[in-house]
Amino acid sequence: MSYWLMKSEPTEVSIDDMLAAPARTMPWFGIRNYQSRNFMRDAMRVGDGVLFYHSSCAAPGIVGLAEVASTPYPDFTQFEPRSHYFDPKATPENPRWMMVDIRALRAVPLIPLSALRAAPELADMQVLKRGNRLSISRVEAADWRWINQHLIAPAT
């Protein structure tokens, strides 16, 4: 099993949107970074753990737990001319961008970036690296366990 941190702007898709969706599942569309695309296409597996992270907002940080719920498939927004994510070089026969479905498991109290930075045990997390702008990054199993044991409140 692998673990991931996936960023979404809450104005695009929030943890509340995910929890309200049918089966708490939504496609993770609109990724236009090759490394993030490759993570979804080549490395993510159904059942992988996800730290759901709100970004580009007043209070960025981890806000939920989720899991990968599908194998990769072509991102439909690349074919829609009116979409912000349209890619004129992509065709249904040769898609450039992929996505997976993500299933929200539960919301958690906000874990701000400052709380992650304050934990020396998490110093090597990709999201904490200077200049990191990836919307998807790997999370080491030890970091996943530490975050779940020390920063995430138990489910009630």
C-alpha atoms as a PDB file:
ATOM      1  CA  MET A   1       0.000   0.000   0.000  1.00  0.00           C
ATOM      2  CA  SER A   2       1.156   3.512  -0.797  1.00  0.00           C
ATOM      3  CA  TYR A   3       0.198   6.838   0.730  1.00  0.00           C
ATOM      4  CA  TRP A   4      -0.362  10.222  -0.872  1.00  0.00           C
ATOM      5  CA  LEU A   5      -1.024  13.851  -0.039  1.00  0.00           C
ATOM      6  CA  MET A   6      -3.456  15.336  -2.557  1.00  0.00           C
ATOM      7  CA  LYS A   7      -4.097  19.069  -2.675  1.00  0.00           C
ATOM      8  CA  SER A   8      -7.337  20.661  -3.776  1.00  0.00           C
ATOM      9  CA  GLU A   9      -8.495  24.231  -3.587  1.00  0.00           C
ATOM     10  CA  PRO A  10     -11.642  24.136  -1.470  1.00  0.00           C
ATOM     11  CA  THR A  11     -13.386  26.396  -4.017  1.00  0.00           C
ATOM     12  CA  GLU A  12     -12.773  23.630  -6.620  1.00  0.00           C
ATOM     13  CA  VAL A  13     -13.424  20.498  -4.490  1.00  0.00           C
ATOM     14  CA  SER A  14     -13.500  20.584  -0.701  1.00  0.00           C
ATOM     15  CA  ILE A  15     -13.563  17.762   1.825  1.00  0.00           C
ATOM     16  CA  ASP A  16     -17.229  18.687   2.441  1.00  0.00           C
ATOM     17  CA  ASP A  17     -17.940  18.339  -1.299  1.00  0.00           C
ATOM     18  CA  MET A  18     -16.328  14.911  -1.243  1.00  0.00           C
ATOM     19  CA  LEU A  19     -18.292  13.774   1.800  1.00  0.00           C
ATOM     20  CA  ALA A  20     -21.545  14.941   0.172  1.00  0.00           C
ATOM     21  CA  ALA A  21     -20.861  13.207  -3.165  1.00  0.00           C
ATOM     22  CA  PRO A  22     -22.558   9.921  -4.037  1.00  0.00           C
ATOM     23  CA  ALA A  23     -20.595   7.126  -2.341  1.00  0.00           C
ATOM     24  CA  ARG A  24     -18.312   9.938  -1.069  1.00  0.00           C
ATOM     25  CA  THR A  25     -16.394   9.499  -4.328  1.00  0.00           C
ATOM     26  CA  MET A  26     -15.320  11.995  -6.992  1.00  0.00           C
ATOM     27  CA  PRO A  27     -12.907  12.025  -9.928  1.00  0.00           C
ATOM     28  CA  TRP A  28      -9.611  13.823  -9.269  1.00  0.00           C
ATOM     29  CA  PHE A  29      -9.655  15.833 -12.494  1.00  0.00           C
ATOM     30  CA  GLY A  30      -7.668  18.757 -13.833  1.00  0.00           C
ATOM     31  CA  ILE A  31      -4.127  17.641 -12.988  1.00  0.00           C
ATOM     32  CA  ARG A  32      -1.826  19.264 -15.536  1.00  0.00           C
ATOM     33  CA  ASN A  33       1.573  18.414 -14.098  1.00  0.00           C
ATOM     34  CA  TYR A  34       3.387  15.441 -15.607  1.00  0.00           C
ATOM     35  CA  GLN A  35       4.829  14.150 -12.338  1.00  0.00           C
ATOM     36  CA  SER A  36       1.431  14.215 -10.627  1.00  0.00           C
ATOM     37  CA  ARG A  37      -0.156  12.623 -13.712  1.00  0.00           C
ATOM     38  CA  ASN A  38       2.465   9.888 -13.617  1.00  0.00           C
ATOM     39  CA  PHE A  39       1.753   9.202  -9.937  1.00  0.00           C
ATOM     40  CA  MET A  40      -1.911   8.617 -10.796  1.00  0.00           C
ATOM     41  CA  ARG A  41      -1.185   6.665 -13.967  1.00  0.00           C
ATOM     42  CA  ASP A  42       1.715   4.518 -12.791  1.00  0.00           C
ATOM     43  CA  ALA A  43       1.848   4.320  -9.017  1.00  0.00           C
ATOM     44  CA  MET A  44      -1.560   4.749  -7.390  1.00  0.00           C
ATOM     45  CA  ARG A  45      -3.550   1.641  -6.553  1.00  0.00           C
ATOM     46  CA  VAL A  46      -7.102   1.167  -5.330  1.00  0.00           C
ATOM     47  CA  GLY A  47      -7.072   1.349  -1.536  1.00  0.00           C
ATOM     48  CA  ASP A  48      -4.001   3.590  -1.226  1.00  0.00           C
ATOM     49  CA  GLY A  49      -4.323   6.103   1.612  1.00  0.00           C
ATOM     50  CA  VAL A  50      -4.768   9.822   0.921  1.00  0.00           C
ATOM     51  CA  LEU A  51      -4.250  12.862   3.115  1.00  0.00           C
ATOM     52  CA  PHE A  52      -6.769  15.355   1.696  1.00  0.00           C
ATOM     53  CA  TYR A  53      -5.190  18.825   1.780  1.00  0.00           C
ATOM     54  CA  HIS A  54      -6.879  22.190   1.186  1.00  0.00           C
ATOM     55  CA  SER A  55      -4.527  24.576  -0.624  1.00  0.00           C
ATOM     56  CA  SER A  56      -4.625  28.165  -1.897  1.00  0.00           C
ATOM     57  CA  CYS A  57      -7.004  29.229   0.834  1.00  0.00           C
ATOM     58  CA  ALA A  58      -7.007  31.165   4.109  1.00  0.00           C
ATOM     59  CA  ALA A  59      -6.278  28.040   6.192  1.00  0.00           C
ATOM     60  CA  PRO A  60      -4.300  25.498   4.140  1.00  0.00           C
ATOM     61  CA  GLY A  61      -3.632  22.058   5.573  1.00  0.00           C
ATOM     62  CA  ILE A  62      -4.787  18.477   5.923  1.00  0.00           C
ATOM     63  CA  VAL A  63      -8.565  18.369   6.353  1.00  0.00           C
ATOM     64  CA  GLY A  64      -9.485  14.755   5.688  1.00  0.00           C
ATOM     65  CA  LEU A  65      -8.622  11.151   5.076  1.00  0.00           C
ATOM     66  CA  ALA A  66      -9.479   9.473   1.796  1.00  0.00           C
ATOM     67  CA  GLU A  67      -8.482   6.547  -0.380  1.00  0.00           C
ATOM     68  CA  VAL A  68      -7.858   5.864  -4.042  1.00  0.00           C
ATOM     69  CA  ALA A  69     -11.087   4.325  -5.339  1.00  0.00           C
ATOM     70  CA  SER A  70     -10.355   3.501  -8.994  1.00  0.00           C
ATOM     71  CA  THR A  71      -7.677   2.611 -11.461  1.00  0.00           C
ATOM     72  CA  PRO A  72      -6.512   5.501 -13.689  1.00  0.00           C
ATOM     73  CA  TYR A  73      -8.571   6.590 -16.678  1.00  0.00           C
ATOM     74  CA  PRO A  74      -8.485   9.564 -19.087  1.00  0.00           C
ATOM     75  CA  ASP A  75      -9.398  12.928 -17.578  1.00  0.00           C
ATOM     76  CA  PHE A  76     -12.557  13.973 -19.435  1.00  0.00           C
ATOM     77  CA  THR A  77     -11.847  17.705 -18.986  1.00  0.00           C
ATOM     78  CA  GLN A  78      -8.929  17.567 -21.434  1.00  0.00           C
ATOM     79  CA  PHE A  79     -11.422  17.013 -24.281  1.00  0.00           C
ATOM     80  CA  GLU A  80     -13.892  19.781 -23.358  1.00  0.00           C
ATOM     81  CA  PRO A  81     -13.098  23.035 -25.224  1.00  0.00           C
ATOM     82  CA  ARG A  82     -14.986  25.125 -22.647  1.00  0.00           C
ATOM     83  CA  SER A  83     -13.110  23.584 -19.721  1.00  0.00           C
ATOM     84  CA  HIS A  84     -10.335  25.454 -17.948  1.00  0.00           C
ATOM     85  CA  TYR A  85      -8.435  22.142 -18.252  1.00  0.00           C
ATOM     86  CA  PHE A  86      -8.918  21.709 -22.016  1.00  0.00           C
ATOM     87  CA  ASP A  87      -5.831  20.439 -23.867  1.00  0.00           C
ATOM     88  CA  PRO A  88      -6.038  20.855 -27.655  1.00  0.00           C
ATOM     89  CA  LYS A  89      -3.263  18.272 -28.144  1.00  0.00           C
ATOM     90  CA  ALA A  90      -5.212  15.536 -26.340  1.00  0.00           C
ATOM     91  CA  THR A  91      -7.538  13.194 -28.198  1.00  0.00           C
ATOM     92  CA  PRO A  92      -9.693  10.305 -26.973  1.00  0.00           C
ATOM     93  CA  GLU A  93      -7.395   7.995 -28.952  1.00  0.00           C
ATOM     94  CA  ASN A  94      -4.283   9.535 -27.386  1.00  0.00           C
ATOM     95  CA  PRO A  95      -5.159  11.124 -24.023  1.00  0.00           C
ATOM     96  CA  ARG A  96      -2.420  13.118 -22.295  1.00  0.00           C
ATOM     97  CA  TRP A  97      -3.972  13.451 -18.842  1.00  0.00           C
ATOM     98  CA  MET A  98      -5.245  10.842 -16.435  1.00  0.00           C
ATOM     99  CA  MET A  99      -7.267  10.832 -13.242  1.00  0.00           C
ATOM    100  CA  VAL A 100      -8.384   8.470 -10.512  1.00  0.00           C
ATOM    101  CA  ASP A 101     -11.458   8.503  -8.313  1.00  0.00           C
ATOM    102  CA  ILE A 102     -10.943   9.417  -4.671  1.00  0.00           C
ATOM    103  CA  ARG A 103     -13.270   8.307  -1.860  1.00  0.00           C
ATOM    104  CA  ALA A 104     -13.481  10.516   1.216  1.00  0.00           C
ATOM    105  CA  LEU A 105     -13.350   8.530   4.448  1.00  0.00           C
ATOM    106  CA  ARG A 106     -13.765  11.352   6.951  1.00  0.00           C
ATOM    107  CA  ALA A 107     -12.994  14.952   7.710  1.00  0.00           C
ATOM    108  CA  VAL A 108     -10.418  15.725  10.388  1.00  0.00           C
ATOM    109  CA  PRO A 109      -9.740  18.908  12.328  1.00  0.00           C
ATOM    110  CA  LEU A 110      -7.468  21.162  10.276  1.00  0.00           C
ATOM    111  CA  ILE A 111      -3.795  20.212  10.516  1.00  0.00           C
ATOM    112  CA  PRO A 112      -2.055  23.357   9.263  1.00  0.00           C
ATOM    113  CA  LEU A 113       1.253  23.359   7.471  1.00  0.00           C
ATOM    114  CA  SER A 114       2.778  24.903  10.595  1.00  0.00           C
ATOM    115  CA  ALA A 115       1.867  21.782  12.615  1.00  0.00           C
ATOM    116  CA  LEU A 116       3.562  19.568  10.020  1.00  0.00           C
ATOM    117  CA  ARG A 117       6.650  21.813  10.028  1.00  0.00           C
ATOM    118  CA  ALA A 118       6.776  21.752  13.847  1.00  0.00           C
ATOM    119  CA  ALA A 119       7.193  17.955  13.917  1.00  0.00           C
ATOM    120  CA  PRO A 120      10.853  16.978  13.372  1.00  0.00           C
ATOM    121  CA  GLU A 121       9.632  13.460  12.529  1.00  0.00           C
ATOM    122  CA  LEU A 122       8.048  14.868   9.359  1.00  0.00           C
ATOM    123  CA  ALA A 123      10.998  16.973   8.168  1.00  0.00           C
ATOM    124  CA  ASP A 124      11.430  14.957   4.965  1.00  0.00           C
ATOM    125  CA  MET A 125       7.819  15.176   3.773  1.00  0.00           C
ATOM    126  CA  GLN A 126       7.623  16.412   0.187  1.00  0.00           C
ATOM    127  CA  VAL A 127       4.934  18.978   1.016  1.00  0.00           C
ATOM    128  CA  LEU A 128       7.405  20.667   3.395  1.00  0.00           C
ATOM    129  CA  LYS A 129      10.200  20.982   0.835  1.00  0.00           C
ATOM    130  CA  ARG A 130      11.029  24.488  -0.312  1.00  0.00           C
ATOM    131  CA  GLY A 131       9.390  25.319  -3.629  1.00  0.00           C
ATOM    132  CA  ASN A 132       7.079  22.293  -3.615  1.00  0.00           C
ATOM    133  CA  ARG A 133       4.042  23.057  -5.746  1.00  0.00           C
ATOM    134  CA  LEU A 134       2.943  19.544  -6.659  1.00  0.00           C
ATOM    135  CA  SER A 135      -0.742  18.839  -6.164  1.00  0.00           C
ATOM    136  CA  ILE A 136       0.068  15.183  -5.454  1.00  0.00           C
ATOM    137  CA  SER A 137       3.039  13.952  -3.457  1.00  0.00           C
ATOM    138  CA  ARG A 138       4.082  10.664  -1.931  1.00  0.00           C
ATOM    139  CA  VAL A 139       3.823  10.199   1.821  1.00  0.00           C
ATOM    140  CA  GLU A 140       6.152   7.693   3.441  1.00  0.00           C
ATOM    141  CA  ALA A 141       4.459   4.983   5.532  1.00  0.00           C
ATOM    142  CA  ALA A 142       6.252   6.204   8.684  1.00  0.00           C
ATOM    143  CA  ASP A 143       4.974   9.766   8.094  1.00  0.00           C
ATOM    144  CA  TRP A 144       1.432   8.464   7.466  1.00  0.00           C
ATOM    145  CA  ARG A 145       1.507   6.515  10.744  1.00  0.00           C
ATOM    146  CA  TRP A 146       2.970   9.455  12.709  1.00  0.00           C
ATOM    147  CA  ILE A 147       0.380  11.899  11.376  1.00  0.00           C
ATOM    148  CA  ASN A 148      -2.451   9.489  12.146  1.00  0.00           C
ATOM    149  CA  GLN A 149      -1.150   8.730  15.656  1.00  0.00           C
ATOM    150  CA  HIS A 150      -0.135  12.243  16.720  1.00  0.00           C
ATOM    151  CA  LEU A 151      -2.062  14.827  14.688  1.00  0.00           C
ATOM    152  CA  ILE A 152      -5.360  13.277  13.658  1.00  0.00           C
ATOM    153  CA  ALA A 153      -8.034  12.964  16.292  1.00  0.00           C
ATOM    154  CA  PRO A 154      -9.496   9.456  16.569  1.00  0.00           C
ATOM    155  CA  ALA A 155     -12.804   8.895  14.804  1.00  0.00           C
ATOM    156  CA  THR A 156     -15.767   9.100  17.154  1.00  0.00           C
END
